Amino acid sequence: MSYEPLAADYRWAGLSAVSTALLFAGANALWAFEMPDRGAPGPELVNFYDDLSGRIIAGALLSLISIATFVVFASAFRSVLIKLEGDEFLANIAFGGSLLGMAAGIGAETINMAAALRAGDGELTRPLAQALFDTSYVLGYNAAGVGIGLLALATGTVALRARALLPRWLAVAALALGAALLTPLSRWALGPSFVLLLVLGLLLLRRPAVPFPHRDS
């Protein structure tokens, strides 16, 4: 087993992972704790968007910035996984899952922002509030959960196979979290996945080099 320096990959992936997690957490802290449950009646949703219009718009803008930093993470992390694994299969799954999660996230945030803008202008009807809320909910939790789940599964698998990147217990937790994100449990698993992203980013910043297993040795 030899060592291949990955300082640049680790630095970019680590910084962008930490930035994404903190930006996303800050964005959702502005309004998500007061979000109605799925299936809430139209009047409650209209009041939600009307009362929190400014905070929802600000949170959505921050979330879109966090998606931009996640693009940087996905690109740099793909390189890290390729060098750890020795081929591109799992790295491409992680990258593809990241893209899927980002695309769904953009849809969820822009739809939520549109509802808040309509409410701010006094033009949000009950049926429109329900349609926009439900669509944003499905994109933000279920569709994004599938993408982030693939990222977590690929990351946990590479970490276990390479015996690097994550402690064994955390790699197993990443696999369990990834599996949960592919199910209706994504509603509760999405938040912990960003905690995992933050921890991963911090670990990446601590390690300038990693063991690189040569498949032909």
N, C-alpha and C. Protein backbone atom coordinates (compact mmCIF):
# COMPACT_ATOMS: atom_id res chain seq x y z
N MET A 1 0.84 -1.19 0.00
CA MET A 1 0.00 0.00 0.00
C MET A 1 0.88 1.24 0.00
N SER A 2 0.62 2.13 -0.95
CA SER A 2 1.39 3.36 -1.06
C SER A 2 0.50 4.55 -0.71
N TYR A 3 1.12 5.73 -0.74
CA TYR A 3 0.37 6.93 -0.39
C TYR A 3 0.38 7.90 -1.56
N GLU A 4 -0.77 8.41 -1.88
CA GLU A 4 -0.90 9.40 -2.93
C GLU A 4 -1.46 10.68 -2.32
N PRO A 5 -0.77 11.79 -2.46
CA PRO A 5 -1.24 13.02 -1.84
C PRO A 5 -2.54 13.50 -2.47
N LEU A 6 -3.47 13.88 -1.61
CA LEU A 6 -4.77 14.36 -2.08
C LEU A 6 -5.11 15.69 -1.41
N ALA A 7 -4.11 16.47 -1.10
CA ALA A 7 -4.34 17.69 -0.33
C ALA A 7 -5.32 18.62 -1.02
N ALA A 8 -5.17 18.83 -2.32
CA ALA A 8 -6.05 19.76 -3.02
C ALA A 8 -7.49 19.23 -3.06
N ASP A 9 -7.63 17.93 -3.35
CA ASP A 9 -8.97 17.34 -3.39
C ASP A 9 -9.64 17.42 -2.02
N TYR A 10 -8.88 17.06 -1.01
CA TYR A 10 -9.43 17.09 0.35
C TYR A 10 -9.80 18.51 0.76
N ARG A 11 -8.95 19.47 0.42
CA ARG A 11 -9.20 20.85 0.82
C ARG A 11 -10.49 21.39 0.19
N TRP A 12 -10.63 21.21 -1.13
CA TRP A 12 -11.82 21.70 -1.80
C TRP A 12 -13.08 20.96 -1.36
N ALA A 13 -12.99 19.64 -1.27
CA ALA A 13 -14.15 18.86 -0.83
C ALA A 13 -14.51 19.17 0.61
N GLY A 14 -13.50 19.31 1.47
CA GLY A 14 -13.77 19.60 2.88
C GLY A 14 -14.38 20.97 3.09
N LEU A 15 -13.80 21.98 2.48
CA LEU A 15 -14.32 23.34 2.65
C LEU A 15 -15.74 23.47 2.10
N SER A 16 -15.98 22.89 0.93
CA SER A 16 -17.31 23.00 0.33
C SER A 16 -18.34 22.19 1.09
N ALA A 17 -17.93 21.04 1.67
CA ALA A 17 -18.87 20.24 2.47
C ALA A 17 -19.28 21.00 3.72
N VAL A 18 -18.32 21.59 4.42
CA VAL A 18 -18.63 22.36 5.63
C VAL A 18 -19.50 23.57 5.27
N SER A 19 -19.15 24.27 4.20
CA SER A 19 -19.92 25.44 3.78
C SER A 19 -21.36 25.07 3.43
N THR A 20 -21.52 23.97 2.70
CA THR A 20 -22.86 23.53 2.32
C THR A 20 -23.71 23.22 3.55
N ALA A 21 -23.15 22.45 4.47
CA ALA A 21 -23.91 22.05 5.66
C ALA A 21 -24.30 23.27 6.50
N LEU A 22 -23.38 24.20 6.70
CA LEU A 22 -23.68 25.37 7.53
C LEU A 22 -24.67 26.31 6.85
N LEU A 23 -24.50 26.53 5.55
CA LEU A 23 -25.43 27.40 4.82
C LEU A 23 -26.84 26.81 4.81
N PHE A 24 -26.92 25.50 4.58
CA PHE A 24 -28.23 24.85 4.52
C PHE A 24 -28.91 24.89 5.89
N ALA A 25 -28.14 24.64 6.94
CA ALA A 25 -28.71 24.69 8.29
C ALA A 25 -29.18 26.09 8.63
N GLY A 26 -28.38 27.10 8.31
CA GLY A 26 -28.78 28.47 8.58
C GLY A 26 -30.01 28.88 7.79
N ALA A 27 -30.09 28.44 6.53
CA ALA A 27 -31.24 28.78 5.69
C ALA A 27 -32.53 28.20 6.25
N ASN A 28 -32.47 26.93 6.66
CA ASN A 28 -33.68 26.28 7.17
C ASN A 28 -34.07 26.75 8.57
N ALA A 29 -33.08 27.21 9.34
CA ALA A 29 -33.38 27.71 10.68
C ALA A 29 -34.26 28.96 10.62
N LEU A 30 -34.28 29.65 9.49
CA LEU A 30 -35.07 30.88 9.36
C LEU A 30 -36.57 30.61 9.37
N TRP A 31 -36.98 29.40 8.90
CA TRP A 31 -38.41 29.19 8.76
C TRP A 31 -38.88 27.75 8.97
N ALA A 32 -38.00 26.76 8.82
CA ALA A 32 -38.45 25.37 8.76
C ALA A 32 -39.06 24.86 10.06
N PHE A 33 -38.66 25.43 11.20
CA PHE A 33 -39.23 24.96 12.48
C PHE A 33 -40.72 25.30 12.60
N GLU A 34 -41.19 26.23 11.80
CA GLU A 34 -42.61 26.62 11.83
C GLU A 34 -43.37 26.09 10.64
N MET A 35 -42.77 25.19 9.87
CA MET A 35 -43.42 24.63 8.70
C MET A 35 -44.56 23.71 9.10
N PRO A 36 -45.72 23.84 8.48
CA PRO A 36 -46.84 22.94 8.80
C PRO A 36 -46.53 21.51 8.40
N ASP A 37 -47.27 20.58 8.96
CA ASP A 37 -47.12 19.18 8.59
C ASP A 37 -47.71 18.94 7.21
N ARG A 38 -47.24 17.88 6.58
CA ARG A 38 -47.80 17.51 5.27
C ARG A 38 -49.28 17.19 5.44
N GLY A 39 -50.09 17.69 4.51
CA GLY A 39 -51.53 17.49 4.59
C GLY A 39 -52.25 18.59 5.35
N ALA A 40 -51.53 19.65 5.72
CA ALA A 40 -52.16 20.77 6.43
C ALA A 40 -53.21 21.42 5.53
N PRO A 41 -54.28 21.94 6.10
CA PRO A 41 -55.34 22.56 5.29
C PRO A 41 -54.86 23.84 4.61
N GLY A 42 -55.58 24.21 3.55
CA GLY A 42 -55.22 25.39 2.77
C GLY A 42 -55.08 26.67 3.57
N PRO A 43 -56.03 26.99 4.45
CA PRO A 43 -55.90 28.24 5.21
C PRO A 43 -54.64 28.30 6.06
N GLU A 44 -54.25 27.17 6.66
CA GLU A 44 -53.02 27.15 7.46
C GLU A 44 -51.80 27.40 6.59
N LEU A 45 -51.80 26.85 5.38
CA LEU A 45 -50.66 27.05 4.48
C LEU A 45 -50.58 28.49 3.99
N VAL A 46 -51.72 29.07 3.70
CA VAL A 46 -51.73 30.48 3.28
C VAL A 46 -51.17 31.36 4.40
N ASN A 47 -51.59 31.11 5.63
CA ASN A 47 -51.08 31.88 6.77
C ASN A 47 -49.58 31.67 6.96
N PHE A 48 -49.13 30.43 6.76
CA PHE A 48 -47.70 30.11 6.89
C PHE A 48 -46.88 30.93 5.90
N TYR A 49 -47.26 30.91 4.64
CA TYR A 49 -46.51 31.66 3.62
C TYR A 49 -46.65 33.16 3.82
N ASP A 50 -47.80 33.60 4.27
CA ASP A 50 -48.02 35.03 4.47
C ASP A 50 -47.21 35.56 5.66
N ASP A 51 -47.25 34.84 6.78
CA ASP A 51 -46.57 35.30 7.99
C ASP A 51 -45.05 35.24 7.85
N LEU A 52 -44.54 34.24 7.13
CA LEU A 52 -43.09 34.03 7.06
C LEU A 52 -42.53 34.33 5.68
N SER A 53 -43.24 35.10 4.90
CA SER A 53 -42.84 35.34 3.51
C SER A 53 -41.39 35.79 3.37
N GLY A 54 -41.00 36.83 4.10
CA GLY A 54 -39.64 37.35 4.00
C GLY A 54 -38.59 36.34 4.42
N ARG A 55 -38.87 35.60 5.50
CA ARG A 55 -37.91 34.61 5.99
C ARG A 55 -37.79 33.43 5.05
N ILE A 56 -38.90 33.02 4.44
CA ILE A 56 -38.86 31.91 3.48
C ILE A 56 -38.04 32.29 2.26
N ILE A 57 -38.23 33.52 1.77
CA ILE A 57 -37.47 33.98 0.60
C ILE A 57 -35.99 34.06 0.92
N ALA A 58 -35.65 34.61 2.09
CA ALA A 58 -34.24 34.70 2.48
C ALA A 58 -33.63 33.31 2.65
N GLY A 59 -34.40 32.40 3.26
CA GLY A 59 -33.91 31.04 3.44
C GLY A 59 -33.71 30.32 2.12
N ALA A 60 -34.63 30.55 1.19
CA ALA A 60 -34.50 29.90 -0.12
C ALA A 60 -33.26 30.41 -0.86
N LEU A 61 -32.99 31.70 -0.76
CA LEU A 61 -31.79 32.25 -1.40
C LEU A 61 -30.52 31.66 -0.81
N LEU A 62 -30.48 31.53 0.52
CA LEU A 62 -29.32 30.90 1.16
C LEU A 62 -29.19 29.43 0.75
N SER A 63 -30.33 28.75 0.64
CA SER A 63 -30.30 27.35 0.23
C SER A 63 -29.77 27.19 -1.19
N LEU A 64 -30.12 28.12 -2.07
CA LEU A 64 -29.61 28.06 -3.44
C LEU A 64 -28.10 28.26 -3.46
N ILE A 65 -27.59 29.13 -2.58
CA ILE A 65 -26.14 29.30 -2.47
C ILE A 65 -25.50 28.00 -1.96
N SER A 66 -26.17 27.36 -1.00
CA SER A 66 -25.63 26.09 -0.48
C SER A 66 -25.60 25.02 -1.56
N ILE A 67 -26.56 25.06 -2.48
CA ILE A 67 -26.55 24.11 -3.59
C ILE A 67 -25.37 24.37 -4.50
N ALA A 68 -25.04 25.65 -4.69
CA ALA A 68 -23.87 26.00 -5.51
C ALA A 68 -22.59 25.45 -4.87
N THR A 69 -22.46 25.58 -3.55
CA THR A 69 -21.26 25.04 -2.90
C THR A 69 -21.28 23.50 -2.93
N PHE A 70 -22.46 22.92 -2.96
CA PHE A 70 -22.57 21.47 -3.05
C PHE A 70 -22.08 20.96 -4.41
N VAL A 71 -22.25 21.78 -5.45
CA VAL A 71 -21.69 21.44 -6.76
C VAL A 71 -20.17 21.30 -6.67
N VAL A 72 -19.55 22.25 -5.96
CA VAL A 72 -18.09 22.20 -5.77
C VAL A 72 -17.72 20.93 -5.01
N PHE A 73 -18.47 20.63 -3.95
CA PHE A 73 -18.20 19.42 -3.17
C PHE A 73 -18.30 18.17 -4.03
N ALA A 74 -19.40 18.06 -4.78
CA ALA A 74 -19.62 16.86 -5.59
C ALA A 74 -18.48 16.65 -6.58
N SER A 75 -18.00 17.73 -7.17
CA SER A 75 -16.93 17.62 -8.16
C SER A 75 -15.61 17.20 -7.51
N ALA A 76 -15.26 17.85 -6.40
CA ALA A 76 -14.00 17.51 -5.74
C ALA A 76 -14.07 16.13 -5.09
N PHE A 77 -15.22 15.79 -4.50
CA PHE A 77 -15.35 14.51 -3.80
C PHE A 77 -15.32 13.34 -4.77
N ARG A 78 -15.80 13.54 -5.97
CA ARG A 78 -15.72 12.49 -6.98
C ARG A 78 -14.26 12.10 -7.22
N SER A 79 -13.38 13.09 -7.30
CA SER A 79 -11.96 12.81 -7.49
C SER A 79 -11.38 12.05 -6.31
N VAL A 80 -11.78 12.44 -5.10
CA VAL A 80 -11.30 11.75 -3.89
C VAL A 80 -11.73 10.28 -3.92
N LEU A 81 -12.98 10.02 -4.25
CA LEU A 81 -13.47 8.65 -4.26
C LEU A 81 -12.80 7.80 -5.34
N ILE A 82 -12.54 8.40 -6.49
CA ILE A 82 -11.86 7.65 -7.56
C ILE A 82 -10.49 7.20 -7.08
N LYS A 83 -9.75 8.08 -6.44
CA LYS A 83 -8.40 7.73 -6.01
C LYS A 83 -8.41 6.75 -4.84
N LEU A 84 -9.43 6.81 -4.02
CA LEU A 84 -9.55 5.85 -2.92
C LEU A 84 -9.95 4.46 -3.42
N GLU A 85 -10.90 4.44 -4.36
CA GLU A 85 -11.47 3.17 -4.81
C GLU A 85 -10.64 2.53 -5.92
N GLY A 86 -9.99 3.36 -6.74
CA GLY A 86 -9.22 2.81 -7.84
C GLY A 86 -9.97 2.73 -9.14
N ASP A 87 -11.30 2.98 -9.13
CA ASP A 87 -12.07 3.08 -10.37
C ASP A 87 -13.18 4.10 -10.16
N GLU A 88 -14.01 4.30 -11.18
CA GLU A 88 -14.97 5.40 -11.17
C GLU A 88 -16.39 5.00 -10.83
N PHE A 89 -16.66 3.71 -10.66
CA PHE A 89 -18.06 3.27 -10.55
C PHE A 89 -18.77 3.91 -9.36
N LEU A 90 -18.26 3.70 -8.15
CA LEU A 90 -18.91 4.25 -6.97
C LEU A 90 -18.79 5.78 -6.93
N ALA A 91 -17.69 6.30 -7.44
CA ALA A 91 -17.53 7.75 -7.49
C ALA A 91 -18.60 8.37 -8.39
N ASN A 92 -18.91 7.72 -9.49
CA ASN A 92 -19.93 8.23 -10.39
C ASN A 92 -21.32 8.11 -9.79
N ILE A 93 -21.56 7.05 -9.01
CA ILE A 93 -22.84 6.94 -8.31
C ILE A 93 -22.99 8.09 -7.32
N ALA A 94 -21.93 8.38 -6.57
CA ALA A 94 -21.97 9.48 -5.61
C ALA A 94 -22.20 10.81 -6.32
N PHE A 95 -21.51 11.01 -7.43
CA PHE A 95 -21.64 12.25 -8.18
C PHE A 95 -23.04 12.38 -8.79
N GLY A 96 -23.54 11.29 -9.39
CA GLY A 96 -24.88 11.31 -9.95
C GLY A 96 -25.95 11.54 -8.89
N GLY A 97 -25.78 10.89 -7.74
CA GLY A 97 -26.73 11.11 -6.65
C GLY A 97 -26.71 12.55 -6.17
N SER A 98 -25.52 13.13 -6.11
CA SER A 98 -25.41 14.54 -5.72
C SER A 98 -26.15 15.44 -6.70
N LEU A 99 -25.98 15.18 -8.00
CA LEU A 99 -26.66 15.98 -9.01
C LEU A 99 -28.18 15.85 -8.89
N LEU A 100 -28.65 14.63 -8.66
CA LEU A 100 -30.09 14.41 -8.49
C LEU A 100 -30.60 15.17 -7.28
N GLY A 101 -29.86 15.07 -6.16
CA GLY A 101 -30.28 15.79 -4.96
C GLY A 101 -30.30 17.29 -5.17
N MET A 102 -29.28 17.81 -5.87
CA MET A 102 -29.22 19.25 -6.13
C MET A 102 -30.36 19.71 -7.03
N ALA A 103 -30.67 18.93 -8.07
CA ALA A 103 -31.75 19.30 -8.98
C ALA A 103 -33.09 19.34 -8.25
N ALA A 104 -33.34 18.33 -7.43
CA ALA A 104 -34.58 18.32 -6.65
C ALA A 104 -34.61 19.47 -5.65
N GLY A 105 -33.45 19.77 -5.05
CA GLY A 105 -33.38 20.88 -4.10
C GLY A 105 -33.66 22.22 -4.73
N ILE A 106 -33.14 22.43 -5.93
CA ILE A 106 -33.42 23.68 -6.65
C ILE A 106 -34.92 23.81 -6.91
N GLY A 107 -35.54 22.71 -7.34
CA GLY A 107 -36.98 22.74 -7.58
C GLY A 107 -37.75 23.06 -6.32
N ALA A 108 -37.40 22.41 -5.21
CA ALA A 108 -38.11 22.63 -3.95
C ALA A 108 -37.97 24.07 -3.47
N GLU A 109 -36.76 24.60 -3.53
CA GLU A 109 -36.52 25.95 -3.02
C GLU A 109 -37.19 27.01 -3.88
N THR A 110 -37.13 26.87 -5.19
CA THR A 110 -37.74 27.88 -6.06
C THR A 110 -39.27 27.84 -5.97
N ILE A 111 -39.85 26.66 -5.85
CA ILE A 111 -41.31 26.57 -5.71
C ILE A 111 -41.74 27.17 -4.38
N ASN A 112 -41.00 26.87 -3.31
CA ASN A 112 -41.32 27.44 -2.01
C ASN A 112 -41.20 28.97 -2.03
N MET A 113 -40.16 29.47 -2.72
CA MET A 113 -39.97 30.90 -2.84
C MET A 113 -41.12 31.54 -3.63
N ALA A 114 -41.56 30.87 -4.69
CA ALA A 114 -42.67 31.39 -5.48
C ALA A 114 -43.93 31.53 -4.64
N ALA A 115 -44.19 30.53 -3.77
CA ALA A 115 -45.36 30.61 -2.89
C ALA A 115 -45.24 31.79 -1.93
N ALA A 116 -44.04 32.00 -1.38
CA ALA A 116 -43.84 33.11 -0.47
C ALA A 116 -43.98 34.45 -1.17
N LEU A 117 -43.49 34.54 -2.41
CA LEU A 117 -43.64 35.78 -3.17
C LEU A 117 -45.10 36.08 -3.46
N ARG A 118 -45.84 35.06 -3.84
CA ARG A 118 -47.28 35.23 -4.08
C ARG A 118 -48.00 35.68 -2.82
N ALA A 119 -47.63 35.07 -1.69
CA ALA A 119 -48.25 35.45 -0.42
C ALA A 119 -47.90 36.89 -0.07
N GLY A 120 -46.67 37.29 -0.31
CA GLY A 120 -46.26 38.66 -0.01
C GLY A 120 -47.02 39.67 -0.84
N ASP A 121 -47.44 39.28 -2.05
CA ASP A 121 -48.22 40.17 -2.91
C ASP A 121 -49.72 40.03 -2.66
N GLY A 122 -50.10 39.16 -1.72
CA GLY A 122 -51.51 38.96 -1.42
C GLY A 122 -52.26 38.20 -2.48
N GLU A 123 -51.56 37.38 -3.28
CA GLU A 123 -52.19 36.67 -4.40
C GLU A 123 -52.18 35.16 -4.23
N LEU A 124 -51.89 34.67 -3.04
CA LEU A 124 -51.81 33.23 -2.83
C LEU A 124 -53.17 32.68 -2.41
N THR A 125 -53.77 31.85 -3.26
CA THR A 125 -55.05 31.22 -2.94
C THR A 125 -54.82 29.92 -2.18
N ARG A 126 -55.85 29.40 -1.57
CA ARG A 126 -55.72 28.15 -0.82
C ARG A 126 -55.32 26.97 -1.70
N PRO A 127 -56.01 26.76 -2.84
CA PRO A 127 -55.60 25.63 -3.70
C PRO A 127 -54.16 25.77 -4.19
N LEU A 128 -53.75 27.00 -4.55
CA LEU A 128 -52.38 27.19 -5.03
C LEU A 128 -51.39 26.94 -3.91
N ALA A 129 -51.70 27.38 -2.69
CA ALA A 129 -50.81 27.15 -1.55
C ALA A 129 -50.61 25.66 -1.32
N GLN A 130 -51.69 24.89 -1.39
CA GLN A 130 -51.59 23.44 -1.19
C GLN A 130 -50.76 22.79 -2.29
N ALA A 131 -51.00 23.20 -3.54
CA ALA A 131 -50.27 22.60 -4.66
C ALA A 131 -48.77 22.91 -4.57
N LEU A 132 -48.43 24.16 -4.29
CA LEU A 132 -47.02 24.54 -4.21
C LEU A 132 -46.33 23.90 -3.01
N PHE A 133 -47.02 23.85 -1.88
CA PHE A 133 -46.44 23.25 -0.68
C PHE A 133 -46.18 21.77 -0.88
N ASP A 134 -47.17 21.04 -1.41
CA ASP A 134 -47.02 19.60 -1.60
C ASP A 134 -45.92 19.28 -2.61
N THR A 135 -45.86 20.06 -3.69
CA THR A 135 -44.82 19.82 -4.70
C THR A 135 -43.44 20.07 -4.11
N SER A 136 -43.29 21.18 -3.39
CA SER A 136 -42.01 21.49 -2.76
C SER A 136 -41.63 20.43 -1.74
N TYR A 137 -42.61 19.94 -1.01
CA TYR A 137 -42.36 18.92 0.01
C TYR A 137 -41.83 17.63 -0.62
N VAL A 138 -42.49 17.18 -1.68
CA VAL A 138 -42.08 15.93 -2.33
C VAL A 138 -40.69 16.07 -2.94
N LEU A 139 -40.43 17.20 -3.59
CA LEU A 139 -39.10 17.41 -4.17
C LEU A 139 -38.03 17.51 -3.08
N GLY A 140 -38.33 18.26 -2.03
CA GLY A 140 -37.33 18.54 -1.01
C GLY A 140 -36.99 17.35 -0.14
N TYR A 141 -37.95 16.47 0.08
CA TYR A 141 -37.70 15.32 0.96
C TYR A 141 -37.55 14.01 0.18
N ASN A 142 -38.52 13.69 -0.64
CA ASN A 142 -38.50 12.38 -1.30
C ASN A 142 -37.51 12.34 -2.46
N ALA A 143 -37.62 13.27 -3.39
CA ALA A 143 -36.73 13.25 -4.56
C ALA A 143 -35.29 13.56 -4.16
N ALA A 144 -35.09 14.61 -3.37
CA ALA A 144 -33.74 14.93 -2.92
C ALA A 144 -33.18 13.81 -2.06
N GLY A 145 -34.05 13.16 -1.28
CA GLY A 145 -33.60 12.06 -0.43
C GLY A 145 -33.01 10.91 -1.23
N VAL A 146 -33.58 10.62 -2.40
CA VAL A 146 -33.04 9.56 -3.24
C VAL A 146 -31.62 9.90 -3.68
N GLY A 147 -31.40 11.14 -4.12
CA GLY A 147 -30.07 11.53 -4.56
C GLY A 147 -29.05 11.52 -3.44
N ILE A 148 -29.40 12.10 -2.30
CA ILE A 148 -28.48 12.14 -1.16
C ILE A 148 -28.26 10.73 -0.61
N GLY A 149 -29.29 9.89 -0.72
CA GLY A 149 -29.14 8.50 -0.29
C GLY A 149 -28.10 7.76 -1.10
N LEU A 150 -28.10 7.96 -2.42
CA LEU A 150 -27.09 7.34 -3.26
C LEU A 150 -25.69 7.83 -2.90
N LEU A 151 -25.57 9.13 -2.63
CA LEU A 151 -24.28 9.68 -2.21
C LEU A 151 -23.81 9.03 -0.91
N ALA A 152 -24.71 8.90 0.06
CA ALA A 152 -24.34 8.30 1.35
C ALA A 152 -23.96 6.84 1.20
N LEU A 153 -24.70 6.10 0.39
CA LEU A 153 -24.40 4.68 0.19
C LEU A 153 -23.04 4.49 -0.48
N ALA A 154 -22.77 5.28 -1.50
CA ALA A 154 -21.48 5.17 -2.19
C ALA A 154 -20.33 5.57 -1.27
N THR A 155 -20.54 6.61 -0.48
CA THR A 155 -19.49 7.08 0.43
C THR A 155 -19.19 6.03 1.50
N GLY A 156 -20.23 5.48 2.11
CA GLY A 156 -20.04 4.47 3.14
C GLY A 156 -19.36 3.23 2.59
N THR A 157 -19.73 2.82 1.37
CA THR A 157 -19.12 1.64 0.76
C THR A 157 -17.64 1.84 0.49
N VAL A 158 -17.29 3.00 -0.08
CA VAL A 158 -15.87 3.28 -0.36
C VAL A 158 -15.08 3.35 0.94
N ALA A 159 -15.66 3.99 1.96
CA ALA A 159 -14.95 4.12 3.24
C ALA A 159 -14.66 2.76 3.85
N LEU A 160 -15.60 1.83 3.76
CA LEU A 160 -15.38 0.49 4.30
C LEU A 160 -14.37 -0.30 3.48
N ARG A 161 -14.46 -0.19 2.17
CA ARG A 161 -13.56 -0.95 1.30
C ARG A 161 -12.12 -0.44 1.38
N ALA A 162 -11.97 0.88 1.43
CA ALA A 162 -10.63 1.47 1.45
C ALA A 162 -10.07 1.61 2.86
N ARG A 163 -10.93 1.42 3.87
CA ARG A 163 -10.53 1.63 5.26
C ARG A 163 -9.93 3.02 5.45
N ALA A 164 -10.59 3.98 4.89
CA ALA A 164 -10.15 5.37 4.95
C ALA A 164 -11.39 6.25 4.84
N LEU A 165 -11.19 7.54 4.91
CA LEU A 165 -12.23 8.54 4.71
C LEU A 165 -13.12 8.73 5.93
N LEU A 166 -13.69 7.63 6.46
CA LEU A 166 -14.56 7.69 7.64
C LEU A 166 -14.18 6.57 8.60
N PRO A 167 -14.36 6.76 9.91
CA PRO A 167 -14.25 5.64 10.85
C PRO A 167 -15.26 4.55 10.47
N ARG A 168 -14.93 3.32 10.80
CA ARG A 168 -15.80 2.22 10.40
C ARG A 168 -17.24 2.40 10.88
N TRP A 169 -17.42 2.82 12.14
CA TRP A 169 -18.77 2.96 12.67
C TRP A 169 -19.55 4.05 11.92
N LEU A 170 -18.84 5.10 11.50
CA LEU A 170 -19.51 6.17 10.78
C LEU A 170 -19.82 5.76 9.34
N ALA A 171 -18.95 4.92 8.75
CA ALA A 171 -19.23 4.40 7.42
C ALA A 171 -20.48 3.51 7.44
N VAL A 172 -20.62 2.69 8.49
CA VAL A 172 -21.81 1.85 8.63
C VAL A 172 -23.05 2.73 8.83
N ALA A 173 -22.90 3.80 9.62
CA ALA A 173 -24.01 4.73 9.82
C ALA A 173 -24.41 5.40 8.52
N ALA A 174 -23.41 5.71 7.68
CA ALA A 174 -23.70 6.32 6.37
C ALA A 174 -24.50 5.37 5.49
N LEU A 175 -24.18 4.08 5.55
CA LEU A 175 -24.94 3.09 4.78
C LEU A 175 -26.39 3.01 5.26
N ALA A 176 -26.56 2.99 6.59
CA ALA A 176 -27.92 2.93 7.14
C ALA A 176 -28.71 4.19 6.80
N LEU A 177 -28.04 5.32 6.89
CA LEU A 177 -28.69 6.59 6.56
C LEU A 177 -29.06 6.64 5.08
N GLY A 178 -28.13 6.16 4.23
CA GLY A 178 -28.41 6.14 2.81
C GLY A 178 -29.61 5.28 2.47
N ALA A 179 -29.70 4.12 3.10
CA ALA A 179 -30.85 3.24 2.87
C ALA A 179 -32.15 3.90 3.32
N ALA A 180 -32.12 4.57 4.47
CA ALA A 180 -33.32 5.25 4.97
C ALA A 180 -33.77 6.37 4.03
N LEU A 181 -32.81 7.05 3.40
CA LEU A 181 -33.14 8.15 2.50
C LEU A 181 -33.84 7.68 1.24
N LEU A 182 -33.73 6.41 0.92
CA LEU A 182 -34.41 5.86 -0.25
C LEU A 182 -35.83 5.42 0.06
N THR A 183 -36.28 5.61 1.26
CA THR A 183 -37.61 5.20 1.71
C THR A 183 -38.40 6.42 2.19
N PRO A 184 -39.67 6.23 2.59
CA PRO A 184 -40.42 7.36 3.16
C PRO A 184 -39.80 7.93 4.43
N LEU A 185 -38.82 7.24 5.01
CA LEU A 185 -38.13 7.77 6.19
C LEU A 185 -37.24 8.96 5.86
N SER A 186 -37.14 9.31 4.58
CA SER A 186 -36.30 10.45 4.17
C SER A 186 -36.73 11.73 4.87
N ARG A 187 -37.98 11.82 5.25
CA ARG A 187 -38.46 13.02 5.96
C ARG A 187 -37.66 13.28 7.23
N TRP A 188 -37.24 12.19 7.89
CA TRP A 188 -36.48 12.32 9.14
C TRP A 188 -34.98 12.10 8.93
N ALA A 189 -34.60 11.50 7.83
CA ALA A 189 -33.19 11.18 7.60
C ALA A 189 -32.43 12.28 6.89
N LEU A 190 -33.15 13.22 6.25
CA LEU A 190 -32.45 14.24 5.47
C LEU A 190 -31.63 15.17 6.36
N GLY A 191 -32.18 15.56 7.50
CA GLY A 191 -31.44 16.43 8.42
C GLY A 191 -30.14 15.79 8.89
N PRO A 192 -30.17 14.55 9.41
CA PRO A 192 -28.93 13.89 9.81
C PRO A 192 -27.92 13.73 8.67
N SER A 193 -28.39 13.67 7.43
CA SER A 193 -27.45 13.52 6.31
C SER A 193 -26.58 14.76 6.17
N PHE A 194 -27.09 15.92 6.53
CA PHE A 194 -26.27 17.13 6.47
C PHE A 194 -25.33 17.23 7.67
N VAL A 195 -25.70 16.60 8.77
CA VAL A 195 -24.76 16.47 9.88
C VAL A 195 -23.59 15.58 9.45
N LEU A 196 -23.91 14.48 8.75
CA LEU A 196 -22.87 13.60 8.22
C LEU A 196 -21.98 14.35 7.24
N LEU A 197 -22.58 15.20 6.41
CA LEU A 197 -21.80 15.99 5.45
C LEU A 197 -20.83 16.92 6.18
N LEU A 198 -21.30 17.54 7.25
CA LEU A 198 -20.44 18.43 8.03
C LEU A 198 -19.27 17.67 8.63
N VAL A 199 -19.55 16.52 9.23
CA VAL A 199 -18.49 15.70 9.84
C VAL A 199 -17.51 15.23 8.76
N LEU A 200 -18.03 14.80 7.62
CA LEU A 200 -17.18 14.37 6.52
C LEU A 200 -16.26 15.51 6.08
N GLY A 201 -16.82 16.72 5.97
CA GLY A 201 -16.01 17.86 5.58
C GLY A 201 -14.89 18.14 6.54
N LEU A 202 -15.19 18.05 7.83
CA LEU A 202 -14.15 18.29 8.84
C LEU A 202 -13.07 17.21 8.78
N LEU A 203 -13.47 15.97 8.55
CA LEU A 203 -12.49 14.89 8.43
C LEU A 203 -11.62 15.06 7.18
N LEU A 204 -12.22 15.50 6.11
CA LEU A 204 -11.47 15.73 4.88
C LEU A 204 -10.40 16.81 5.08
N LEU A 205 -10.73 17.83 5.84
CA LEU A 205 -9.78 18.92 6.06
C LEU A 205 -8.63 18.50 6.97
N ARG A 206 -8.81 17.43 7.72
CA ARG A 206 -7.76 16.98 8.64
C ARG A 206 -6.75 16.04 7.98
N ARG A 207 -7.05 15.52 6.81
CA ARG A 207 -6.22 14.47 6.21
C ARG A 207 -5.64 14.92 4.88
N PRO A 208 -4.35 15.29 4.84
CA PRO A 208 -3.75 15.69 3.58
C PRO A 208 -3.42 14.54 2.65
N ALA A 209 -3.37 13.33 3.18
CA ALA A 209 -3.08 12.17 2.33
C ALA A 209 -3.82 10.96 2.86
N VAL A 210 -4.11 10.03 1.96
CA VAL A 210 -4.86 8.83 2.34
C VAL A 210 -4.19 7.60 1.74
N PRO A 211 -4.38 6.43 2.36
CA PRO A 211 -3.85 5.21 1.75
C PRO A 211 -4.53 4.94 0.42
N PHE A 212 -3.75 4.57 -0.56
CA PHE A 212 -4.28 4.29 -1.89
C PHE A 212 -3.98 2.84 -2.26
N PRO A 213 -5.02 1.98 -2.26
CA PRO A 213 -4.79 0.57 -2.54
C PRO A 213 -4.65 0.31 -4.03
N HIS A 214 -3.57 -0.30 -4.45
CA HIS A 214 -3.39 -0.64 -5.84
C HIS A 214 -4.05 -1.99 -6.11
N ARG A 215 -4.98 -2.03 -7.06
CA ARG A 215 -5.73 -3.25 -7.34
C ARG A 215 -4.85 -4.35 -7.94
N ASP A 216 -3.76 -3.94 -8.60
CA ASP A 216 -2.95 -4.94 -9.27
C ASP A 216 -1.81 -5.45 -8.39
N SER A 217 -1.77 -5.03 -7.11
CA SER A 217 -0.69 -5.48 -6.23
C SER A 217 -1.10 -6.76 -5.51
